Protein backbone atom coordinates (compact mmCIF):
# COMPACT_ATOMS: atom_id res chain seq x y z
CA MET A 1 -18.45 135.52 30.84
CA SER A 2 -15.58 133.09 30.52
CA SER A 3 -14.32 131.61 33.74
CA TYR A 4 -12.01 128.87 32.53
CA ILE A 5 -8.27 128.92 31.95
CA ARG A 6 -6.36 126.31 30.01
CA ILE A 7 -2.67 126.19 30.88
CA ILE A 8 -0.50 124.69 28.15
CA HIS A 9 3.01 123.95 29.37
CA ALA A 10 5.99 124.32 27.05
CA HIS A 11 6.85 120.62 27.34
CA ASP A 12 3.38 119.86 25.95
CA PHE A 13 4.06 121.52 22.61
CA ILE A 14 7.76 122.39 22.27
CA LYS A 15 9.52 119.26 21.03
CA ALA A 16 13.24 118.63 20.51
CA THR A 17 15.29 116.52 18.14
CA PRO A 18 17.62 113.87 19.62
CA GLU A 19 20.38 116.49 19.31
CA GLY A 20 18.46 118.85 21.59
CA LEU A 21 17.42 121.31 18.88
CA LEU A 22 13.88 122.54 18.32
CA ASP A 23 11.87 120.11 16.18
CA LEU A 24 9.68 122.72 14.54
CA GLU A 25 7.57 120.29 12.51
CA LYS A 26 6.83 118.04 15.50
CA SER A 27 6.08 121.09 17.67
CA LYS A 28 3.65 122.32 15.02
CA GLU A 29 1.94 118.90 14.87
CA VAL A 30 1.51 118.78 18.65
CA LEU A 31 0.16 122.35 18.70
CA MET A 32 -2.38 121.30 16.06
CA GLU A 33 -3.44 118.34 18.24
CA ILE A 34 -3.83 120.63 21.27
CA ALA A 35 -5.89 123.05 19.18
CA SER A 36 -8.16 120.28 17.91
CA ALA A 37 -8.78 118.97 21.42
CA SER A 38 -9.36 122.49 22.75
CA VAL A 39 -12.12 123.54 20.37
CA SER A 40 -14.68 121.32 22.10
CA MET A 41 -13.86 122.78 25.52
CA GLY A 42 -15.91 125.95 24.95
CA ASP A 43 -15.06 129.39 26.28
CA TYR A 44 -11.76 129.56 28.07
CA GLU A 45 -8.62 131.64 28.16
CA ILE A 46 -5.16 130.24 27.42
CA ILE A 47 -1.87 130.55 29.26
CA LEU A 48 1.19 129.25 27.41
CA ASP A 49 3.56 128.52 30.29
CA THR A 50 7.12 128.63 28.97
CA ARG A 51 8.84 129.11 32.34
CA LYS A 52 10.43 125.65 32.29
CA ALA A 53 11.11 125.38 28.57
CA GLN A 54 14.33 123.49 27.93
CA ILE A 55 14.84 124.76 24.39
CA GLU A 56 15.55 128.34 23.45
CA MET A 57 13.86 129.19 20.18
CA SER A 58 15.39 131.40 17.55
CA THR A 59 13.67 134.58 16.43
CA SER A 60 12.69 132.92 13.16
CA ASN A 61 11.20 129.92 15.02
CA LEU A 62 9.13 132.27 17.21
CA TRP A 63 7.91 134.09 14.10
CA TYR A 64 7.02 130.79 12.42
CA LEU A 65 5.06 129.50 15.44
CA ALA A 66 3.15 132.77 15.66
CA ALA A 67 2.33 132.45 11.95
CA GLU A 68 1.03 128.92 12.56
CA LEU A 69 -1.66 130.23 14.95
CA SER A 70 -3.72 131.31 11.95
CA LYS A 71 -3.86 127.69 10.79
CA LEU A 72 -5.15 126.40 14.11
CA GLY A 73 -8.71 127.57 13.75
CA LYS A 74 -10.91 128.60 16.66
CA ALA A 75 -8.72 127.14 19.42
CA PHE A 76 -6.58 130.24 19.72
CA GLU A 77 -9.14 132.96 18.90
CA ARG A 78 -9.39 134.18 22.49
CA LYS A 79 -6.73 135.91 24.58
CA ILE A 80 -3.42 134.11 25.01
CA ALA A 81 -1.07 134.98 27.87
CA VAL A 82 2.52 133.82 27.42
CA LEU A 83 4.02 133.18 30.84
CA CYS A 84 7.81 133.27 30.81
CA PRO A 85 10.82 133.73 33.07
CA LEU A 86 12.18 137.27 33.34
CA GLU A 87 15.20 136.42 31.18
CA GLY A 88 12.88 135.19 28.41
CA PHE A 89 10.58 138.20 28.39
CA ASP A 90 12.05 139.75 25.22
CA ARG A 91 11.53 136.53 23.24
CA ALA A 92 8.02 136.04 24.60
CA GLY A 93 7.27 139.67 23.79
CA PHE A 94 8.50 139.14 20.23
CA PHE A 95 6.24 136.09 19.85
CA ALA A 96 3.31 138.14 21.19
CA LEU A 97 4.05 140.96 18.75
CA CYS A 98 4.19 138.54 15.81
CA ALA A 99 0.87 136.99 16.87
CA GLU A 100 -0.72 140.42 17.42
CA ASN A 101 0.31 141.38 13.89
CA ARG A 102 -1.84 138.47 12.72
CA GLY A 103 -4.88 139.63 14.71
CA TYR A 104 -4.46 137.58 17.89
CA GLN A 105 -4.71 138.95 21.42
CA VAL A 106 -1.39 137.80 22.88
CA LYS A 107 0.67 139.36 25.65
CA ALA A 108 3.81 138.25 27.52
CA PHE A 109 3.98 138.08 31.33
CA THR A 110 6.45 137.07 34.01
CA SER A 111 3.74 136.90 36.70
CA LEU A 112 0.92 134.34 36.73
CA GLU A 113 -1.29 136.74 38.66
CA ALA A 114 -0.79 139.54 36.12
CA ALA A 115 -1.51 137.11 33.27
CA ILE A 116 -4.77 135.99 34.86
CA GLU A 117 -5.79 139.59 35.58
CA TRP A 118 -5.22 140.53 31.93
CA LEU A 119 -7.06 137.46 30.64
CA PHE A 120 -10.20 138.38 32.57
CA ALA A 121 -9.99 142.17 32.16
CA ASN A 122 -12.99 143.70 30.40
CA GLU A 123 -15.05 140.51 30.71
CA THR A 124 -18.77 141.19 30.94
């Protein structure tokens, strides 16, 4: 039974250009670094905390980041809860849908407690 949660904050992987736009390539590189470091941590669940994200991503950027999960190996094989503010729920839900379409267990939440409950549901 997994009993660890890794919280990855938006500022840890969402990077901006000097103009304040999403730097998709840099964000992808940082996500790869996080994934590489995470593999050795063993069994844990992931919360992507986007509540304080300073950059709003386009629909195509969300789709692209979800597609990148498949290139990150074992780091993101377990459940991923996307924690977002209420006004960002539709975008987080879209990201989750795109990731689910690629075989990942991803779900959007506005409540930390609900995210944790879902992450540990059906654990044996």
